[in-house]
Structure formats: C-alpha cells, structure tokens
C-alpha atoms as a PDB file:
ATOM      1  CA  MET A   1     -24.542   8.714 -41.205  1.00  0.00           C
ATOM      2  CA  ARG A   2     -28.198   9.749 -41.317  1.00  0.00           C
ATOM      3  CA  CYS A   3     -30.710   6.893 -40.961  1.00  0.00           C
ATOM      4  CA  PRO A   4     -32.661   6.320 -44.219  1.00  0.00           C
ATOM      5  CA  TYR A   5     -35.710   5.161 -42.224  1.00  0.00           C
ATOM      6  CA  CYS A   6     -36.196   7.771 -39.489  1.00  0.00           C
ATOM      7  CA  SER A   7     -33.652  10.436 -40.570  1.00  0.00           C
ATOM      8  CA  ALA A   8     -31.935  10.415 -37.183  1.00  0.00           C
ATOM      9  CA  PRO A   9     -28.456  11.911 -37.503  1.00  0.00           C
ATOM     10  CA  ASP A  10     -26.529   9.175 -35.668  1.00  0.00           C
ATOM     11  CA  SER A  11     -25.835   5.525 -36.356  1.00  0.00           C
ATOM     12  CA  LYS A  12     -23.186   3.063 -35.294  1.00  0.00           C
ATOM     13  CA  VAL A  13     -21.123   0.726 -37.454  1.00  0.00           C
ATOM     14  CA  VAL A  14     -21.955  -2.891 -36.633  1.00  0.00           C
ATOM     15  CA  ASN A  15     -19.798  -4.575 -39.276  1.00  0.00           C
ATOM     16  CA  SER A  16     -17.241  -3.357 -41.811  1.00  0.00           C
ATOM     17  CA  ARG A  17     -15.491  -5.284 -44.579  1.00  0.00           C
ATOM     18  CA  PRO A  18     -13.865  -4.791 -48.000  1.00  0.00           C
ATOM     19  CA  SER A  19     -16.121  -5.093 -51.018  1.00  0.00           C
ATOM     20  CA  ASP A  20     -15.643  -5.127 -54.807  1.00  0.00           C
ATOM     21  CA  ASP A  21     -12.150  -6.635 -54.541  1.00  0.00           C
ATOM     22  CA  GLY A  22     -11.021  -3.924 -52.146  1.00  0.00           C
ATOM     23  CA  ALA A  23     -12.330  -1.023 -54.256  1.00  0.00           C
ATOM     24  CA  SER A  24     -14.880  -0.131 -51.585  1.00  0.00           C
ATOM     25  CA  ILE A  25     -15.799  -0.784 -47.975  1.00  0.00           C
ATOM     26  CA  ARG A  26     -19.193  -2.207 -47.040  1.00  0.00           C
ATOM     27  CA  ARG A  27     -20.459  -1.023 -43.676  1.00  0.00           C
ATOM     28  CA  ARG A  28     -23.469  -2.440 -41.842  1.00  0.00           C
ATOM     29  CA  ARG A  29     -24.942   0.262 -39.619  1.00  0.00           C
ATOM     30  CA  GLU A  30     -27.593   0.433 -36.921  1.00  0.00           C
ATOM     31  CA  CYS A  31     -29.615   3.546 -36.180  1.00  0.00           C
ATOM     32  CA  LEU A  32     -29.261   4.699 -32.580  1.00  0.00           C
ATOM     33  CA  ASN A  33     -32.815   6.054 -32.650  1.00  0.00           C
ATOM     34  CA  CYS A  34     -35.000   3.376 -34.338  1.00  0.00           C
ATOM     35  CA  ALA A  35     -32.531   0.427 -34.148  1.00  0.00           C
ATOM     36  CA  ARG A  36     -33.071  -0.479 -37.832  1.00  0.00           C
ATOM     37  CA  ARG A  37     -30.072  -1.653 -39.817  1.00  0.00           C
ATOM     38  CA  PHE A  38     -28.880  -0.478 -43.213  1.00  0.00           C
ATOM     39  CA  THR A  39     -25.832  -0.890 -45.450  1.00  0.00           C
ATOM     40  CA  THR A  40     -23.532   1.821 -46.800  1.00  0.00           C
ATOM     41  CA  TYR A  41     -20.611   1.640 -49.202  1.00  0.00           C
ATOM     42  CA  GLU A  42     -17.546   3.831 -49.034  1.00  0.00           C
ATOM     43  CA  ARG A  43     -15.229   4.256 -51.999  1.00  0.00           C
ATOM     44  CA  ALA A  44     -12.513   6.661 -53.089  1.00  0.00           C
ATOM     45  CA  GLN A  45     -13.721   9.379 -55.426  1.00  0.00           C
ATOM     46  CA  LEU A  46     -10.978  10.859 -57.550  1.00  0.00           C
ATOM     47  CA  GLU A  47     -12.484  12.664 -60.512  1.00  0.00           C
ATOM     48  CA  PRO A  48     -16.099  11.893 -61.277  1.00  0.00           C
ATOM     49  CA  LEU A  49     -16.781  10.191 -64.596  1.00  0.00           C
ATOM     50  CA  MET A  50     -18.767  12.626 -66.710  1.00  0.00           C
ATOM     51  CA  VAL A  51     -21.562  11.423 -68.971  1.00  0.00           C
ATOM     52  CA  VAL A  52     -22.183  13.341 -72.195  1.00  0.00           C
ATOM     53  CA  LYS A  53     -25.921  13.170 -72.836  1.00  0.00           C
ATOM     54  CA  ARG A  54     -27.341  12.845 -76.364  1.00  0.00           C
ATOM     55  CA  SER A  55     -28.625  16.419 -76.190  1.00  0.00           C
ATOM     56  CA  GLY A  56     -25.190  17.769 -75.206  1.00  0.00           C
ATOM     57  CA  PRO A  57     -25.147  18.510 -71.464  1.00  0.00           C
ATOM     58  CA  ARG A  58     -22.763  16.711 -69.127  1.00  0.00           C
ATOM     59  CA  GLU A  59     -23.562  15.151 -65.763  1.00  0.00           C
ATOM     60  CA  ALA A  60     -21.683  13.028 -63.251  1.00  0.00           C
ATOM     61  CA  PHE A  61     -22.044   9.276 -63.745  1.00  0.00           C
ATOM     62  CA  ASN A  62     -24.553   7.769 -61.329  1.00  0.00           C
ATOM     63  CA  PRO A  63     -24.290   3.977 -60.916  1.00  0.00           C
ATOM     64  CA  ASP A  64     -27.695   3.930 -59.204  1.00  0.00           C
ATOM     65  CA  LYS A  65     -29.288   5.262 -62.403  1.00  0.00           C
ATOM     66  CA  LEU A  66     -27.633   2.521 -64.461  1.00  0.00           C
ATOM     67  CA  LEU A  67     -28.614  -0.121 -61.897  1.00  0.00           C
ATOM     68  CA  ARG A  68     -32.221   1.127 -61.934  1.00  0.00           C
ATOM     69  CA  GLY A  69     -32.383   0.694 -65.732  1.00  0.00           C
ATOM     70  CA  LEU A  70     -30.836  -2.774 -65.600  1.00  0.00           C
ATOM     71  CA  THR A  71     -33.144  -3.802 -62.751  1.00  0.00           C
ATOM     72  CA  LEU A  72     -36.256  -2.608 -64.586  1.00  0.00           C
ATOM     73  CA  ALA A  73     -35.216  -4.495 -67.720  1.00  0.00           C
ATOM     74  CA  SER A  74     -34.566  -7.636 -65.661  1.00  0.00           C
ATOM     75  CA  GLU A  75     -37.678  -7.483 -63.496  1.00  0.00           C
ATOM     76  CA  LYS A  76     -39.237 -10.932 -62.969  1.00  0.00           C
ATOM     77  CA  ARG A  77     -36.447 -12.524 -65.017  1.00  0.00           C
ATOM     78  CA  PRO A  78     -33.856 -15.103 -63.876  1.00  0.00           C
ATOM     79  CA  VAL A  79     -31.054 -12.535 -63.681  1.00  0.00           C
ATOM     80  CA  ASP A  80     -28.856 -12.402 -60.581  1.00  0.00           C
ATOM     81  CA  PRO A  81     -29.281  -8.954 -58.933  1.00  0.00           C
ATOM     82  CA  ALA A  82     -25.703  -9.220 -57.648  1.00  0.00           C
ATOM     83  CA  ALA A  83     -24.454  -9.398 -61.247  1.00  0.00           C
ATOM     84  CA  LEU A  84     -26.418  -6.248 -62.124  1.00  0.00           C
ATOM     85  CA  ARG A  85     -25.058  -4.464 -59.056  1.00  0.00           C
ATOM     86  CA  ALA A  86     -21.484  -5.547 -59.812  1.00  0.00           C
ATOM     87  CA  PHE A  87     -21.783  -4.280 -63.391  1.00  0.00           C
ATOM     88  CA  ALA A  88     -23.319  -0.927 -62.420  1.00  0.00           C
ATOM     89  CA  TYR A  89     -20.954  -0.206 -59.530  1.00  0.00           C
ATOM     90  CA  GLY A  90     -17.889  -1.535 -61.354  1.00  0.00           C
ATOM     91  CA  PHE A  91     -18.683   0.379 -64.545  1.00  0.00           C
ATOM     92  CA  GLU A  92     -16.854   3.547 -63.552  1.00  0.00           C
ATOM     93  CA  ASP A  93     -13.694   1.559 -62.773  1.00  0.00           C
ATOM     94  CA  GLU A  94     -13.728  -0.005 -66.257  1.00  0.00           C
ATOM     95  CA  VAL A  95     -13.888   3.305 -68.121  1.00  0.00           C
ATOM     96  CA  GLN A  96     -10.418   4.667 -68.835  1.00  0.00           C
ATOM     97  CA  THR A  97     -11.455   8.209 -69.766  1.00  0.00           C
ATOM     98  CA  ALA A  98     -12.830  11.214 -67.891  1.00  0.00           C
ATOM     99  CA  GLU A  99     -15.928  11.360 -70.112  1.00  0.00           C
ATOM    100  CA  ILE A 100     -18.194   8.814 -71.757  1.00  0.00           C
ATOM    101  CA  ALA A 101     -21.155   9.245 -74.092  1.00  0.00           C
ATOM    102  CA  ALA A 102     -24.519   8.126 -72.744  1.00  0.00           C
ATOM    103  CA  THR A 103     -24.886   6.043 -75.916  1.00  0.00           C
ATOM    104  CA  GLU A 104     -21.699   4.146 -75.018  1.00  0.00           C
ATOM    105  CA  ILE A 105     -23.088   3.353 -71.559  1.00  0.00           C
ATOM    106  CA  GLY A 106     -26.243   1.991 -73.200  1.00  0.00           C
ATOM    107  CA  ARG A 107     -24.231  -0.044 -75.710  1.00  0.00           C
ATOM    108  CA  ARG A 108     -22.100  -1.577 -72.942  1.00  0.00           C
ATOM    109  CA  ALA A 109     -25.202  -2.328 -70.857  1.00  0.00           C
ATOM    110  CA  MET A 110     -26.775  -4.119 -73.828  1.00  0.00           C
ATOM    111  CA  THR A 111     -23.566  -6.099 -74.376  1.00  0.00           C
ATOM    112  CA  PHE A 112     -23.683  -7.059 -70.694  1.00  0.00           C
ATOM    113  CA  LEU A 113     -27.378  -8.078 -70.737  1.00  0.00           C
ATOM    114  CA  ARG A 114     -27.296  -9.976 -74.049  1.00  0.00           C
ATOM    115  CA  PRO A 115     -25.769 -13.230 -72.730  1.00  0.00           C
ATOM    116  CA  LEU A 116     -27.706 -13.045 -69.445  1.00  0.00           C
ATOM    117  CA  ASP A 117     -31.294 -12.934 -70.663  1.00  0.00           C
ATOM    118  CA  ASP A 118     -32.899 -12.234 -74.060  1.00  0.00           C
ATOM    119  CA  VAL A 119     -36.030 -10.686 -72.548  1.00  0.00           C
ATOM    120  CA  ALA A 120     -34.054  -8.302 -70.318  1.00  0.00           C
ATOM    121  CA  TYR A 121     -31.928  -7.419 -73.353  1.00  0.00           C
ATOM    122  CA  ILE A 122     -35.011  -6.628 -75.481  1.00  0.00           C
ATOM    123  CA  ARG A 123     -36.571  -4.572 -72.679  1.00  0.00           C
ATOM    124  CA  PHE A 124     -33.400  -2.520 -72.236  1.00  0.00           C
ATOM    125  CA  ALA A 125     -32.933  -2.156 -76.003  1.00  0.00           C
ATOM    126  CA  SER A 126     -36.524  -0.939 -76.422  1.00  0.00           C
ATOM    127  CA  VAL A 127     -35.827   2.029 -74.167  1.00  0.00           C
ATOM    128  CA  TYR A 128     -32.218   2.630 -75.231  1.00  0.00           C
ATOM    129  CA  ARG A 129     -33.006   2.481 -78.946  1.00  0.00           C
ATOM    130  CA  ASP A 130     -36.372   4.215 -78.476  1.00  0.00           C
ATOM    131  CA  PHE A 131     -38.561   1.584 -80.149  1.00  0.00           C
ATOM    132  CA  ASP A 132     -41.629   3.352 -81.489  1.00  0.00           C
ATOM    133  CA  SER A 133     -43.515   0.471 -83.067  1.00  0.00           C
ATOM    134  CA  LEU A 134     -44.205  -3.231 -82.824  1.00  0.00           C
ATOM    135  CA  GLU A 135     -42.132  -3.688 -85.979  1.00  0.00           C
ATOM    136  CA  ARG A 136     -38.999  -2.459 -84.157  1.00  0.00           C
ATOM    137  CA  PHE A 137     -39.507  -5.117 -81.465  1.00  0.00           C
ATOM    138  CA  ILE A 138     -39.971  -7.819 -84.095  1.00  0.00           C
ATOM    139  CA  GLU A 139     -36.908  -6.587 -85.991  1.00  0.00           C
ATOM    140  CA  GLU A 140     -34.765  -6.764 -82.845  1.00  0.00           C
ATOM    141  CA  ILE A 141     -36.056 -10.221 -81.911  1.00  0.00           C
ATOM    142  CA  ARG A 142     -35.265 -11.492 -85.418  1.00  0.00           C
ATOM    143  CA  GLY A 143     -31.818  -9.921 -85.047  1.00  0.00           C
ATOM    144  CA  LEU A 144     -31.290 -11.857 -81.812  1.00  0.00           C
ATOM    145  CA  LYS A 145     -31.945 -15.111 -83.613  1.00  0.00           C
ATOM    146  CA  GLY A 146     -29.457 -14.171 -86.331  1.00  0.00           C
ATOM    147  CA  ARG A 147     -26.596 -13.188 -84.036  1.00  0.00           C
ATOM    148  CA  GLU A 148     -26.535 -15.760 -81.282  1.00  0.00           C
ATOM    149  CA  ASP A 149     -22.943 -15.061 -80.243  1.00  0.00           C
ATOM    150  CA  ARG A 150     -22.347 -11.488 -81.409  1.00  0.00           C
ATOM    151  CA  PRO A 151     -22.454  -8.624 -78.853  1.00  0.00           C
ATOM    152  CA  ALA A 152     -24.651  -5.564 -79.314  1.00  0.00           C
ATOM    153  CA  GLN A 153     -23.020  -2.947 -81.527  1.00  0.00           C
ATOM    154  CA  ASP A 154     -25.509  -0.126 -81.730  1.00  0.00           C
ATOM    155  CA  ASP A 155     -24.898   3.459 -80.709  1.00  0.00           C
ATOM    156  CA  GLY A 156     -28.461   4.643 -80.450  1.00  0.00           C
ATOM    157  CA  PRO A 157     -31.853   4.663 -82.089  1.00  0.00           C
ATOM    158  CA  ALA A 158     -31.908   3.070 -85.529  1.00  0.00           C
ATOM    159  CA  PRO A 159     -32.449   5.576 -88.324  1.00  0.00           C
ATOM    160  CA  ALA A 160     -35.804   5.455 -90.084  1.00  0.00           C
ATOM    161  CA  GLN A 161     -35.712   3.751 -93.474  1.00  0.00           C
ATOM    162  CA  ASP A 162     -37.645   4.710 -96.587  1.00  0.00           C
ATOM    163  CA  GLY A 163     -38.817   2.433 -99.337  1.00  0.00           C
ATOM    164  CA  GLU A 164     -40.120  -1.131 -99.555  1.00  0.00           C
ATOM    165  CA  GLY A 165     -40.125  -3.135 -96.345  1.00  0.00           C
ATOM    166  CA  SER A 166     -39.656   0.102 -94.428  1.00  0.00           C
ATOM    167  CA  THR A 167     -40.242   0.446 -90.727  1.00  0.00           C
ATOM    168  CA  ALA A 168     -40.402   4.230 -90.851  1.00  0.00           C
ATOM    169  CA  THR A 169     -43.323   5.788 -89.027  1.00  0.00           C
END
C-alpha cells in the first residue's frame, strides 16, 4: 500500500481487525520510509452501485463523496463523525438494487440528518434542494417546526410557484 504522506510504495500492517460488523477489515499501517501511520479499509466489491445523476449520466457510488457532503453540513455541530461515517460507508449495503438515483441518495441523507441536528439538516437541504433565496431557507425552517417527527420526503428542488405568496424568483 502506497503511503499517503510520502508516496513510498511499501508499508507494513501493524494491526488488523474486522470493522462494520464484519463487512470490512480495518488495517493500521506504518510506512517503511517515513514511519507515519495510516488506516486503510478493505471490503469485498461485488458489483458497484451505480448512481444515476439528475442530468442522466451514471457513475459508481462513492461513499467518500457522501461523507464529504454530510461532514460539510455538520461542520461545527454536535454530530458524531462516527455516525456520519457509518451512514456513508454502510449506505451501499442498504441499497438492494444495482442503481440508485442521486435524488434518492439526497433524500435518504436528509432523513438520516433530520433527527441528528436541525442545522446540519438545513445546510444539507439547502444544497440538495438548491435553495436560491432567503425565502426558501425560511420556508424549510418553518416546515421543520411543523413536522417534528416526520422524515424528509422530497426528491429534489421544489418547483417554483406562481401567484400570491409565491417564492418564485
């Protein structure tokens, strides 16, 4: 395994143990060149989960991308990083199909964040639903107050409305 710090090609395994209820193996490694330690995870890869993007193309599911979004939404909030990691890296195991829409990933992430932290939920929703005005934030916050125990059930950006009380831009 190549060292992520100095790019040396060799490292040794210092510790190895099951992780994620046996779904993966966590290995603690030490670089033979710079002596720094780093962690790797090994897991079986059968068929990659394919994500169907809103614009149509497909790409392999990347749990790091999901984790990055969850982490950004939860930055400086009292959310356990281990819970975010468990959700992101366990996501692929929960999906029972070969493909999933990107909107479904976002919906499930919002459902996951909702009971953890309202601010993280709003941050994630603002990107996922593409909030384009202060009114959209206010609308979502009011919606939080009105649905204390209901999970998120949105599949994407809210359509613009016309008429009185409109939030269309």
